[in-house]
Amino acid sequence: TRAQAALGPMIEGMGDSDQTAKAYV
C-alpha cells in the first residue's frame, strides 16, 4: 500500500514512451 501510494504520482506523470509500456502491460 505504501509503495502504491509512493509510485502513484510517478505513474500518473509518465511520458508517452512510458505510456506505451503501460498500455502493453
PDB file of all heavy atoms in Angstrom:
ATOM      1  N   THR A   1       0.831  -1.203   0.000  1.00  0.00           N
ATOM      2  CA  THR A   1       0.000   0.000   0.000  1.00  0.00           C
ATOM      3  C   THR A   1       0.866   1.254   0.000  1.00  0.00           C
ATOM      4  O   THR A   1       0.595   2.205  -0.748  1.00  0.00           O
ATOM      5  CB  THR A   1      -0.934  -0.002   1.224  1.00  0.00           C
ATOM      6  OG1 THR A   1      -1.713  -1.201   1.211  1.00  0.00           O
ATOM      7  CG2 THR A   1      -1.851   1.200   1.216  1.00  0.00           C
ATOM      8  N   ARG A   2       1.910   1.257   0.813  1.00  0.00           N
ATOM      9  CA  ARG A   2       2.821   2.406   0.837  1.00  0.00           C
ATOM     10  C   ARG A   2       3.524   2.584  -0.498  1.00  0.00           C
ATOM     11  O   ARG A   2       3.706   3.707  -0.976  1.00  0.00           O
ATOM     12  CB  ARG A   2       3.864   2.245   1.934  1.00  0.00           C
ATOM     13  CG  ARG A   2       3.350   2.526   3.300  1.00  0.00           C
ATOM     14  CD  ARG A   2       4.496   2.471   4.280  1.00  0.00           C
ATOM     15  NE  ARG A   2       4.070   2.796   5.619  1.00  0.00           N
ATOM     16  CZ  ARG A   2       4.885   2.830   6.643  1.00  0.00           C
ATOM     17  NH1 ARG A   2       6.165   2.558   6.492  1.00  0.00           N
ATOM     18  NH2 ARG A   2       4.435   3.128   7.840  1.00  0.00           N
ATOM     19  N   ALA A   3       3.940   1.476  -1.112  1.00  0.00           N
ATOM     20  CA  ALA A   3       4.620   1.555  -2.405  1.00  0.00           C
ATOM     21  C   ALA A   3       3.677   2.084  -3.472  1.00  0.00           C
ATOM     22  O   ALA A   3       4.077   2.913  -4.311  1.00  0.00           O
ATOM     23  CB  ALA A   3       5.160   0.187  -2.805  1.00  0.00           C
ATOM     24  N   GLN A   4       2.437   1.641  -3.460  1.00  0.00           N
ATOM     25  CA  GLN A   4       1.465   2.146  -4.425  1.00  0.00           C
ATOM     26  C   GLN A   4       1.230   3.634  -4.229  1.00  0.00           C
ATOM     27  O   GLN A   4       1.126   4.382  -5.199  1.00  0.00           O
ATOM     28  CB  GLN A   4       0.135   1.396  -4.297  1.00  0.00           C
ATOM     29  CG  GLN A   4       0.175   0.004  -4.868  1.00  0.00           C
ATOM     30  CD  GLN A   4      -1.127  -0.742  -4.632  1.00  0.00           C
ATOM     31  OE1 GLN A   4      -1.922  -0.392  -3.758  1.00  0.00           O
ATOM     32  NE2 GLN A   4      -1.337  -1.790  -5.404  1.00  0.00           N
ATOM     33  N   ALA A   5       1.146   4.060  -2.990  1.00  0.00           N
ATOM     34  CA  ALA A   5       0.938   5.484  -2.718  1.00  0.00           C
ATOM     35  C   ALA A   5       2.138   6.305  -3.179  1.00  0.00           C
ATOM     36  O   ALA A   5       1.976   7.415  -3.700  1.00  0.00           O
ATOM     37  CB  ALA A   5       0.687   5.704  -1.228  1.00  0.00           C
ATOM     38  N   ALA A   6       3.334   5.771  -3.007  1.00  0.00           N
ATOM     39  CA  ALA A   6       4.536   6.498  -3.410  1.00  0.00           C
ATOM     40  C   ALA A   6       4.722   6.482  -4.923  1.00  0.00           C
ATOM     41  O   ALA A   6       5.171   7.474  -5.514  1.00  0.00           O
ATOM     42  CB  ALA A   6       5.763   5.901  -2.733  1.00  0.00           C
ATOM     43  N   LEU A   7       4.366   5.374  -5.571  1.00  0.00           N
ATOM     44  CA  LEU A   7       4.573   5.252  -7.007  1.00  0.00           C
ATOM     45  C   LEU A   7       3.407   5.808  -7.823  1.00  0.00           C
ATOM     46  O   LEU A   7       3.570   6.060  -9.017  1.00  0.00           O
ATOM     47  CB  LEU A   7       4.801   3.789  -7.389  1.00  0.00           C
ATOM     48  CG  LEU A   7       6.072   3.156  -6.840  1.00  0.00           C
ATOM     49  CD1 LEU A   7       6.117   1.674  -7.177  1.00  0.00           C
ATOM     50  CD2 LEU A   7       7.298   3.863  -7.389  1.00  0.00           C
ATOM     51  N   GLY A   8       2.269   6.001  -7.194  1.00  0.00           N
ATOM     52  CA  GLY A   8       1.093   6.512  -7.906  1.00  0.00           C
ATOM     53  C   GLY A   8       1.351   7.806  -8.647  1.00  0.00           C
ATOM     54  O   GLY A   8       1.066   7.907  -9.853  1.00  0.00           O
ATOM     55  N   PRO A   9       1.893   8.824  -7.998  1.00  0.00           N
ATOM     56  CA  PRO A   9       2.159  10.073  -8.709  1.00  0.00           C
ATOM     57  C   PRO A   9       3.166   9.910  -9.853  1.00  0.00           C
ATOM     58  O   PRO A   9       3.039  10.572 -10.885  1.00  0.00           O
ATOM     59  CB  PRO A   9       2.739  10.995  -7.624  1.00  0.00           C
ATOM     60  CG  PRO A   9       2.235  10.429  -6.346  1.00  0.00           C
ATOM     61  CD  PRO A   9       2.110   8.963  -6.570  1.00  0.00           C
ATOM     62  N   MET A  10       4.133   9.032  -9.688  1.00  0.00           N
ATOM     63  CA  MET A  10       5.105   8.820 -10.758  1.00  0.00           C
ATOM     64  C   MET A  10       4.458   8.164 -11.968  1.00  0.00           C
ATOM     65  O   MET A  10       4.773   8.498 -13.110  1.00  0.00           O
ATOM     66  CB  MET A  10       6.271   7.963 -10.266  1.00  0.00           C
ATOM     67  CG  MET A  10       7.196   8.704  -9.322  1.00  0.00           C
ATOM     68  SD  MET A  10       8.731   7.850  -9.013  1.00  0.00           S
ATOM     69  CE  MET A  10       8.195   6.512  -7.985  1.00  0.00           C
ATOM     70  N   ILE A  11       3.551   7.237 -11.733  1.00  0.00           N
ATOM     71  CA  ILE A  11       2.880   6.564 -12.841  1.00  0.00           C
ATOM     72  C   ILE A  11       1.957   7.534 -13.562  1.00  0.00           C
ATOM     73  O   ILE A  11       1.851   7.511 -14.788  1.00  0.00           O
ATOM     74  CB  ILE A  11       2.109   5.325 -12.330  1.00  0.00           C
ATOM     75  CG1 ILE A  11       3.108   4.273 -11.854  1.00  0.00           C
ATOM     76  CG2 ILE A  11       1.196   4.756 -13.394  1.00  0.00           C
ATOM     77  CD1 ILE A  11       2.492   3.076 -11.187  1.00  0.00           C
ATOM     78  N   GLU A  12       1.291   8.384 -12.799  1.00  0.00           N
ATOM     79  CA  GLU A  12       0.407   9.384 -13.411  1.00  0.00           C
ATOM     80  C   GLU A  12       1.187  10.348 -14.299  1.00  0.00           C
ATOM     81  O   GLU A  12       0.683  10.818 -15.304  1.00  0.00           O
ATOM     82  CB  GLU A  12      -0.349  10.153 -12.322  1.00  0.00           C
ATOM     83  CG  GLU A  12      -1.300   9.308 -11.509  1.00  0.00           C
ATOM     84  CD  GLU A  12      -2.459   8.785 -12.324  1.00  0.00           C
ATOM     85  OE1 GLU A  12      -2.913   9.484 -13.250  1.00  0.00           O
ATOM     86  OE2 GLU A  12      -2.898   7.658 -12.036  1.00  0.00           O
ATOM     87  N   GLY A  13       2.410  10.656 -13.916  1.00  0.00           N
ATOM     88  CA  GLY A  13       3.201  11.622 -14.668  1.00  0.00           C
ATOM     89  C   GLY A  13       4.094  11.000 -15.720  1.00  0.00           C
ATOM     90  O   GLY A  13       5.065  11.619 -16.155  1.00  0.00           O
ATOM     91  N   MET A  14       3.793   9.794 -16.157  1.00  0.00           N
ATOM     92  CA  MET A  14       4.635   9.123 -17.142  1.00  0.00           C
ATOM     93  C   MET A  14       4.523   9.802 -18.503  1.00  0.00           C
ATOM     94  O   MET A  14       3.478  10.310 -18.885  1.00  0.00           O
ATOM     95  CB  MET A  14       4.241   7.643 -17.271  1.00  0.00           C
ATOM     96  CG  MET A  14       4.557   6.836 -16.036  1.00  0.00           C
ATOM     97  SD  MET A  14       3.835   5.200 -16.040  1.00  0.00           S
ATOM     98  CE  MET A  14       4.925   4.336 -17.122  1.00  0.00           C
ATOM     99  N   GLY A  15       5.605   9.758 -19.249  1.00  0.00           N
ATOM    100  CA  GLY A  15       5.631  10.330 -20.592  1.00  0.00           C
ATOM    101  C   GLY A  15       5.000   9.392 -21.599  1.00  0.00           C
ATOM    102  O   GLY A  15       4.484   8.326 -21.275  1.00  0.00           O
ATOM    103  N   ASP A  16       5.060   9.783 -22.914  1.00  0.00           N
ATOM    104  CA  ASP A  16       4.436   8.980 -23.970  1.00  0.00           C
ATOM    105  C   ASP A  16       5.097   7.618 -24.135  1.00  0.00           C
ATOM    106  O   ASP A  16       4.429   6.616 -24.343  1.00  0.00           O
ATOM    107  CB  ASP A  16       4.484   9.735 -25.302  1.00  0.00           C
ATOM    108  CG  ASP A  16       3.569  10.962 -25.304  1.00  0.00           C
ATOM    109  OD1 ASP A  16       2.598  10.959 -24.515  1.00  0.00           O
ATOM    110  OD2 ASP A  16       3.826  11.880 -26.091  1.00  0.00           O
ATOM    111  N   SER A  17       6.426   7.544 -24.052  1.00  0.00           N
ATOM    112  CA  SER A  17       7.104   6.258 -24.213  1.00  0.00           C
ATOM    113  C   SER A  17       6.762   5.330 -23.054  1.00  0.00           C
ATOM    114  O   SER A  17       6.621   4.118 -23.237  1.00  0.00           O
ATOM    115  CB  SER A  17       8.610   6.453 -24.307  1.00  0.00           C
ATOM    116  OG  SER A  17       9.102   7.018 -23.106  1.00  0.00           O
ATOM    117  N   ASP A  18       6.621   5.904 -21.890  1.00  0.00           N
ATOM    118  CA  ASP A  18       6.250   5.095 -20.734  1.00  0.00           C
ATOM    119  C   ASP A  18       4.798   4.657 -20.815  1.00  0.00           C
ATOM    120  O   ASP A  18       4.434   3.587 -20.344  1.00  0.00           O
ATOM    121  CB  ASP A  18       6.499   5.863 -19.441  1.00  0.00           C
ATOM    122  CG  ASP A  18       7.974   6.141 -19.203  1.00  0.00           C
ATOM    123  OD1 ASP A  18       8.805   5.348 -19.686  1.00  0.00           O
ATOM    124  OD2 ASP A  18       8.293   7.143 -18.547  1.00  0.00           O
ATOM    125  N   GLN A  19       3.968   5.488 -21.412  1.00  0.00           N
ATOM    126  CA  GLN A  19       2.554   5.133 -21.590  1.00  0.00           C
ATOM    127  C   GLN A  19       2.427   3.923 -22.513  1.00  0.00           C
ATOM    128  O   GLN A  19       1.538   3.097 -22.341  1.00  0.00           O
ATOM    129  CB  GLN A  19       1.759   6.325 -22.140  1.00  0.00           C
ATOM    130  CG  GLN A  19       1.554   7.435 -21.141  1.00  0.00           C
ATOM    131  CD  GLN A  19       0.642   7.042 -19.985  1.00  0.00           C
ATOM    132  OE1 GLN A  19      -0.041   6.032 -20.023  1.00  0.00           O
ATOM    133  NE2 GLN A  19       0.644   7.856 -18.945  1.00  0.00           N
ATOM    134  N   THR A  20       3.312   3.825 -23.507  1.00  0.00           N
ATOM    135  CA  THR A  20       3.295   2.673 -24.412  1.00  0.00           C
ATOM    136  C   THR A  20       3.577   1.402 -23.634  1.00  0.00           C
ATOM    137  O   THR A  20       2.906   0.381 -23.835  1.00  0.00           O
ATOM    138  CB  THR A  20       4.345   2.858 -25.526  1.00  0.00           C
ATOM    139  OG1 THR A  20       4.099   4.099 -26.182  1.00  0.00           O
ATOM    140  CG2 THR A  20       4.293   1.727 -26.523  1.00  0.00           C
ATOM    141  N   ALA A  21       4.569   1.446 -22.753  1.00  0.00           N
ATOM    142  CA  ALA A  21       4.889   0.281 -21.926  1.00  0.00           C
ATOM    143  C   ALA A  21       3.722  -0.061 -21.004  1.00  0.00           C
ATOM    144  O   ALA A  21       3.389  -1.234 -20.818  1.00  0.00           O
ATOM    145  CB  ALA A  21       6.148   0.547 -21.113  1.00  0.00           C
ATOM    146  N   LYS A  22       3.094   0.970 -20.453  1.00  0.00           N
ATOM    147  CA  LYS A  22       1.946   0.757 -19.569  1.00  0.00           C
ATOM    148  C   LYS A  22       0.796   0.105 -20.345  1.00  0.00           C
ATOM    149  O   LYS A  22       0.164  -0.834 -19.855  1.00  0.00           O
ATOM    150  CB  LYS A  22       1.506   2.090 -18.966  1.00  0.00           C
ATOM    151  CG  LYS A  22       0.386   1.982 -17.971  1.00  0.00           C
ATOM    152  CD  LYS A  22       0.035   3.348 -17.407  1.00  0.00           C
ATOM    153  CE  LYS A  22      -1.175   3.272 -16.519  1.00  0.00           C
ATOM    154  NZ  LYS A  22      -1.571   4.582 -16.027  1.00  0.00           N
ATOM    155  N   ALA A  23       0.539   0.578 -21.552  1.00  0.00           N
ATOM    156  CA  ALA A  23      -0.524   0.007 -22.377  1.00  0.00           C
ATOM    157  C   ALA A  23      -0.211  -1.444 -22.746  1.00  0.00           C
ATOM    158  O   ALA A  23      -1.115  -2.294 -22.792  1.00  0.00           O
ATOM    159  CB  ALA A  23      -0.711   0.842 -23.633  1.00  0.00           C
ATOM    160  N   TYR A  24       1.066  -1.740 -22.993  1.00  0.00           N
ATOM    161  CA  TYR A  24       1.475  -3.102 -23.323  1.00  0.00           C
ATOM    162  C   TYR A  24       1.202  -4.044 -22.149  1.00  0.00           C
ATOM    163  O   TYR A  24       0.656  -5.135 -22.326  1.00  0.00           O
ATOM    164  CB  TYR A  24       2.956  -3.133 -23.708  1.00  0.00           C
ATOM    165  CG  TYR A  24       3.481  -4.517 -23.995  1.00  0.00           C
ATOM    166  CD1 TYR A  24       3.141  -5.173 -25.162  1.00  0.00           C
ATOM    167  CD2 TYR A  24       4.312  -5.159 -23.071  1.00  0.00           C
ATOM    168  CE1 TYR A  24       3.611  -6.450 -25.423  1.00  0.00           C
ATOM    169  CE2 TYR A  24       4.788  -6.422 -23.322  1.00  0.00           C
ATOM    170  CZ  TYR A  24       4.440  -7.066 -24.496  1.00  0.00           C
ATOM    171  OH  TYR A  24       4.912  -8.322 -24.740  1.00  0.00           O
ATOM    172  N   VAL A  25       1.578  -3.616 -20.947  1.00  0.00           N
ATOM    173  CA  VAL A  25       1.354  -4.443 -19.754  1.00  0.00           C
ATOM    174  C   VAL A  25      -0.137  -4.639 -19.519  1.00  0.00           C
ATOM    175  O   VAL A  25      -0.591  -5.746 -19.204  1.00  0.00           O
ATOM    176  CB  VAL A  25       2.039  -3.812 -18.526  1.00  0.00           C
ATOM    177  CG1 VAL A  25       1.619  -4.506 -17.243  1.00  0.00           C
ATOM    178  CG2 VAL A  25       3.546  -3.844 -18.681  1.00  0.00           C
TER     179      VAL A  25
END
